[in-house]
Amino acid sequence: MEEVGMGEALFDKVARFYDYEQKEFTKDIRFYVEMAKACGGGVLELACGTGRILLPIAQQGVKITGLDISKEMLNVAKNKIDSDAVAKRNTTLVEGNMRAFDLGKRYALIFVAFRSFQCLLTKKDQVACLKAVHEHLADNGIFVLDLFAPRHDFLAMGKRSVDLGEFYDEDNGLHIKRRAEDTYNLAEQTLHEDRYYEWTDKQGNFQQEVWSLDLAYLFRYEAELLLEKCGFLVDHVYGGFDRSPYDYISGEQIFVARKV
């Protein structure tokens, strides 16, 4: 496994929680593993985070590069990969920005999973990322982009509170509760979320940590047009990782596009 370097990032603060939070979210892994095995060449995952998807792909013997701007997330990924000989042979980790990267090679498959593309808040940054993807794809290569489908009922609320449940922090022996306060900016097409992590420490004291993030949201045909303008032909738009058709209600927009 190789590594390349860069600075502090949004997800550094919650990297230690991430795998605990997403432990139950596995429905997309098989989809990406199948895509990677079928592509017949190298794979690049942008915003690979802690390797939630990258690791199962590497374990299948597929050569995969993972790029992420968060050093802390990559450290978590590295620790997991280093403990698996097969994954270690097949993985390269790169600390970098998906808005502007140059890896000096092309890939048969590039993907951005779990809404990570939506951390790019402006069309300028989104286009920059897609152009870099286009440059790094092999001829007729495949690009997969997962976005959430904006719910009109949520948008109409303007603000909403969400109970995110709790998880068990095995490292510290703590039950951590999560909740979020979401605010939609309809003019900017962004979502601002303040996420609260709350727990009682071993001394019985209440503790709270707040993490904030902003996400852009894109509607289906807006996203399709953006892809087409950046040199992609959209082959499929799925509404689920079982490859069911897009239906809005599922909350998923999974674009499978080809470089043209």
Protein backbone atom coordinates (compact mmCIF):
# COMPACT_ATOMS: atom_id res chain seq x y z
CA MET A 1 0.00 0.00 0.00
CA GLU A 2 1.29 3.44 -0.92
CA GLU A 3 0.45 6.85 0.51
CA VAL A 4 0.69 10.41 -0.73
CA GLY A 5 -0.03 13.64 1.46
CA MET A 6 -2.27 17.14 2.38
CA GLY A 7 -4.05 18.94 5.49
CA GLU A 8 -6.96 19.15 7.88
CA ALA A 9 -10.45 18.48 6.56
CA LEU A 10 -14.11 18.49 7.49
CA PHE A 11 -14.32 14.83 8.49
CA ASP A 12 -11.14 14.81 10.60
CA LYS A 13 -13.20 15.71 13.68
CA VAL A 14 -15.52 12.70 13.43
CA ALA A 15 -13.18 10.11 11.91
CA ARG A 16 -13.04 8.21 15.20
CA PHE A 17 -16.84 7.86 15.20
CA TYR A 18 -17.40 7.13 11.53
CA ASP A 19 -17.21 3.33 11.42
CA TYR A 20 -19.38 3.03 14.51
CA GLU A 21 -21.98 5.35 12.99
CA GLN A 22 -22.10 3.57 9.64
CA LYS A 23 -21.75 0.01 10.95
CA GLU A 24 -25.29 -0.91 9.90
CA PHE A 25 -25.11 0.76 6.48
CA THR A 26 -23.94 -2.02 4.18
CA LYS A 27 -26.54 -2.06 1.40
CA ASP A 28 -24.26 -0.35 -1.14
CA ILE A 29 -21.15 -2.51 -0.66
CA ARG A 30 -22.18 -5.43 -2.87
CA PHE A 31 -23.16 -3.03 -5.67
CA TYR A 32 -19.72 -1.40 -5.78
CA VAL A 33 -17.86 -4.70 -5.39
CA GLU A 34 -19.75 -6.13 -8.38
CA MET A 35 -19.06 -3.00 -10.44
CA ALA A 36 -15.35 -3.17 -9.55
CA LYS A 37 -15.01 -6.86 -10.40
CA ALA A 38 -16.78 -6.37 -13.72
CA CYS A 39 -14.80 -3.32 -14.85
CA GLY A 40 -11.72 -5.26 -15.96
CA GLY A 41 -9.20 -2.68 -14.80
CA GLY A 42 -8.05 -0.41 -12.00
CA VAL A 43 -10.55 1.36 -9.74
CA LEU A 44 -10.48 4.82 -8.12
CA GLU A 45 -12.72 5.78 -5.22
CA LEU A 46 -12.98 9.49 -4.49
CA ALA A 47 -13.72 10.46 -0.87
CA CYS A 48 -12.91 6.91 0.22
CA GLY A 49 -13.02 7.82 3.92
CA THR A 50 -12.26 4.96 6.29
CA GLY A 51 -12.34 2.36 3.52
CA ARG A 52 -15.87 1.14 4.19
CA ILE A 53 -16.26 0.23 0.49
CA LEU A 54 -12.62 0.31 -0.62
CA LEU A 55 -11.59 -2.52 1.71
CA PRO A 56 -14.14 -5.12 0.47
CA ILE A 57 -13.17 -4.31 -3.13
CA ALA A 58 -9.44 -4.75 -2.40
CA GLN A 59 -10.18 -8.02 -0.59
CA GLN A 60 -11.58 -9.33 -3.89
CA GLY A 61 -8.17 -8.88 -5.53
CA VAL A 62 -9.11 -5.70 -7.42
CA LYS A 63 -6.47 -2.97 -7.63
CA ILE A 64 -8.02 0.15 -6.11
CA THR A 65 -6.82 3.66 -5.27
CA GLY A 66 -8.62 5.60 -2.55
CA LEU A 67 -8.40 9.40 -2.45
CA ASP A 68 -9.60 11.49 0.49
CA ILE A 69 -8.88 14.96 1.83
CA SER A 70 -9.12 13.82 5.48
CA LYS A 71 -5.89 12.55 6.94
CA GLU A 72 -7.71 11.18 9.98
CA MET A 73 -10.16 9.18 7.86
CA LEU A 74 -7.27 7.79 5.82
CA ASN A 75 -5.45 6.79 9.02
CA VAL A 76 -8.46 4.70 10.03
CA ALA A 77 -8.52 3.14 6.56
CA LYS A 78 -4.78 2.42 6.66
CA ASN A 79 -5.04 0.62 10.00
CA LYS A 80 -7.76 -1.67 8.63
CA ILE A 81 -5.96 -2.30 5.35
CA ASP A 82 -2.63 -3.02 7.05
CA SER A 83 -4.23 -5.88 8.96
CA ASP A 84 -5.34 -7.61 5.74
CA ALA A 85 -2.57 -8.94 3.48
CA VAL A 86 -4.72 -9.20 0.36
CA ALA A 87 -6.19 -5.71 0.75
CA LYS A 88 -2.75 -4.25 1.44
CA ARG A 89 -1.36 -5.63 -1.83
CA ASN A 90 -4.20 -4.13 -3.83
CA THR A 91 -4.63 -0.69 -2.25
CA THR A 92 -3.09 2.74 -2.75
CA LEU A 93 -4.20 5.59 -0.48
CA VAL A 94 -3.83 9.21 -1.58
CA GLU A 95 -4.44 12.29 0.55
CA GLY A 96 -5.91 14.77 -1.91
CA ASN A 97 -8.83 16.94 -2.95
CA MET A 98 -11.40 15.53 -5.35
CA ARG A 99 -11.85 19.02 -6.83
CA ALA A 100 -8.32 18.96 -8.22
CA PHE A 101 -6.21 15.83 -8.43
CA ASP A 102 -3.68 14.41 -10.86
CA LEU A 103 -2.73 10.79 -10.27
CA GLY A 104 -0.95 10.28 -13.58
CA LYS A 105 -2.98 7.26 -14.66
CA ARG A 106 -6.40 6.22 -15.91
CA TYR A 107 -8.95 3.88 -14.37
CA ALA A 108 -11.66 1.60 -15.73
CA LEU A 109 -14.02 2.59 -12.90
CA ILE A 110 -14.24 5.72 -10.75
CA PHE A 111 -16.93 6.21 -8.14
CA VAL A 112 -18.04 8.62 -5.42
CA ALA A 113 -20.18 6.82 -2.86
CA PHE A 114 -22.52 7.82 -0.04
CA ARG A 115 -23.28 11.43 -1.13
CA SER A 116 -19.66 12.58 -0.74
CA PHE A 117 -19.86 14.54 -4.01
CA GLN A 118 -22.44 16.75 -2.29
CA CYS A 119 -19.71 18.21 -0.08
CA LEU A 120 -18.85 20.24 -3.20
CA LEU A 121 -21.17 23.19 -2.67
CA THR A 122 -20.75 25.16 -5.91
CA LYS A 123 -21.20 24.27 -9.56
CA LYS A 124 -17.61 25.44 -10.12
CA ASP A 125 -16.27 22.83 -7.70
CA GLN A 126 -18.64 20.15 -8.99
CA VAL A 127 -17.54 20.74 -12.58
CA ALA A 128 -13.88 20.76 -11.55
CA CYS A 129 -14.31 17.37 -9.92
CA LEU A 130 -16.16 15.90 -12.90
CA LYS A 131 -13.53 17.17 -15.32
CA ALA A 132 -10.80 15.56 -13.22
CA VAL A 133 -12.81 12.33 -13.20
CA HIS A 134 -13.15 12.51 -16.99
CA GLU A 135 -9.38 12.97 -17.37
CA HIS A 136 -8.68 9.95 -15.17
CA LEU A 137 -11.14 7.56 -16.81
CA ALA A 138 -10.00 5.13 -19.44
CA ASP A 139 -11.75 5.34 -22.79
CA ASN A 140 -15.31 4.10 -22.31
CA GLY A 141 -14.64 3.94 -18.56
CA ILE A 142 -17.49 3.96 -16.05
CA PHE A 143 -18.26 6.63 -13.44
CA VAL A 144 -20.73 5.97 -10.62
CA LEU A 145 -22.17 8.84 -8.58
CA ASP A 146 -24.48 8.40 -5.57
CA LEU A 147 -26.59 11.37 -4.42
CA PHE A 148 -29.60 11.64 -2.17
CA ALA A 149 -32.87 12.53 -3.88
CA PRO A 150 -34.08 15.85 -2.42
CA ARG A 151 -37.43 15.32 -0.69
CA HIS A 152 -39.86 18.12 -1.43
CA ASP A 153 -41.66 17.62 1.89
CA PHE A 154 -38.38 18.14 3.77
CA LEU A 155 -37.49 21.17 1.66
CA ALA A 156 -40.88 22.72 2.40
CA MET A 157 -40.25 22.40 6.15
CA GLY A 158 -37.17 24.60 5.95
CA LYS A 159 -35.86 23.11 9.19
CA ARG A 160 -36.17 19.70 10.80
CA SER A 161 -34.84 17.80 13.80
CA VAL A 162 -33.66 14.23 13.29
CA ASP A 163 -33.02 11.55 15.91
CA LEU A 164 -30.05 9.58 14.57
CA GLY A 165 -30.11 6.95 17.28
CA GLU A 166 -27.06 5.84 19.24
CA PHE A 167 -23.96 3.72 18.78
CA TYR A 168 -21.52 2.04 21.13
CA ASP A 169 -18.00 3.47 21.18
CA GLU A 170 -16.01 0.28 21.79
CA ASP A 171 -12.71 2.09 22.26
CA ASN A 172 -13.99 4.10 25.22
CA GLY A 173 -16.87 1.93 26.43
CA LEU A 174 -19.49 4.63 25.90
CA HIS A 175 -23.00 4.76 24.46
CA ILE A 176 -23.15 7.88 22.27
CA LYS A 177 -26.48 9.38 21.24
CA ARG A 178 -26.79 11.33 18.00
CA ARG A 179 -29.23 13.94 16.79
CA ALA A 180 -29.20 16.52 14.01
CA GLU A 181 -30.69 19.91 13.32
CA ASP A 182 -31.07 20.45 9.56
CA THR A 183 -31.68 23.73 7.76
CA TYR A 184 -32.42 23.93 4.02
CA ASN A 185 -31.30 26.95 2.00
CA LEU A 186 -33.66 26.83 -0.97
CA ALA A 187 -31.92 29.65 -2.86
CA GLU A 188 -28.48 28.05 -2.64
CA GLN A 189 -29.72 24.43 -2.83
CA THR A 190 -27.77 23.50 0.26
CA LEU A 191 -28.43 21.68 3.49
CA HIS A 192 -26.70 22.77 6.71
CA GLU A 193 -26.55 20.18 9.46
CA ASP A 194 -25.45 20.56 13.06
CA ARG A 195 -24.89 17.07 14.40
CA TYR A 196 -24.81 16.54 18.17
CA TYR A 197 -22.92 13.70 19.83
CA GLU A 198 -23.92 13.31 23.47
CA TRP A 199 -22.78 10.90 26.18
CA THR A 200 -22.18 10.49 29.89
CA ASP A 201 -18.53 9.93 30.76
CA LYS A 202 -17.13 7.47 33.29
CA GLN A 203 -17.33 10.14 36.00
CA GLY A 204 -21.04 10.67 35.34
CA ASN A 205 -20.61 14.01 33.55
CA PHE A 206 -22.67 14.93 30.51
CA GLN A 207 -20.52 15.51 27.42
CA GLN A 208 -21.46 16.96 24.06
CA GLU A 209 -19.61 17.46 20.81
CA VAL A 210 -21.10 19.36 17.87
CA TRP A 211 -20.03 18.82 14.28
CA SER A 212 -21.38 20.89 11.40
CA LEU A 213 -21.41 20.21 7.69
CA ASP A 214 -22.97 21.62 4.54
CA LEU A 215 -24.15 19.61 1.57
CA ALA A 216 -25.39 20.68 -1.85
CA TYR A 217 -28.43 18.91 -3.22
CA LEU A 218 -29.07 18.19 -6.89
CA PHE A 219 -32.25 17.08 -8.59
CA ARG A 220 -32.19 14.22 -11.06
CA TYR A 221 -32.20 16.08 -14.37
CA GLU A 222 -29.90 18.78 -13.03
CA ALA A 223 -27.35 16.10 -12.16
CA GLU A 224 -27.80 14.35 -15.52
CA LEU A 225 -27.23 17.62 -17.39
CA LEU A 226 -24.12 18.34 -15.32
CA LEU A 227 -22.71 14.91 -16.17
CA GLU A 228 -23.50 15.29 -19.87
CA LYS A 229 -21.89 18.73 -20.02
CA CYS A 230 -18.72 17.28 -18.49
CA GLY A 231 -18.40 14.56 -21.13
CA PHE A 232 -20.42 11.65 -19.76
CA LEU A 233 -23.28 9.62 -21.18
CA VAL A 234 -25.69 8.49 -18.45
CA ASP A 235 -26.50 4.81 -18.98
CA HIS A 236 -28.64 4.24 -15.88
CA VAL A 237 -30.25 6.13 -13.02
CA TYR A 238 -31.09 3.74 -10.19
CA GLY A 239 -33.28 4.30 -7.16
CA GLY A 240 -31.60 1.59 -5.13
CA PHE A 241 -28.48 -0.55 -4.94
CA ASP A 242 -30.54 -3.50 -6.16
CA ARG A 243 -30.56 -1.61 -9.51
CA SER A 244 -34.23 -0.78 -9.24
CA PRO A 245 -35.32 2.20 -11.40
CA TYR A 246 -35.18 5.71 -9.99
CA ASP A 247 -38.47 6.49 -8.24
CA TYR A 248 -37.72 9.50 -5.97
CA ILE A 249 -39.39 7.81 -2.99
CA SER A 250 -36.35 5.63 -2.27
CA GLY A 251 -34.25 8.70 -1.53
CA GLU A 252 -31.41 7.47 -3.75
CA GLN A 253 -30.08 8.75 -7.07
CA ILE A 254 -27.39 6.41 -8.38
CA PHE A 255 -25.98 7.51 -11.73
CA VAL A 256 -23.98 5.08 -13.85
CA ALA A 257 -22.30 7.08 -16.60
CA ARG A 258 -19.79 6.35 -19.35
CA LYS A 259 -16.95 8.51 -20.61
CA VAL A 260 -17.58 9.66 -24.18
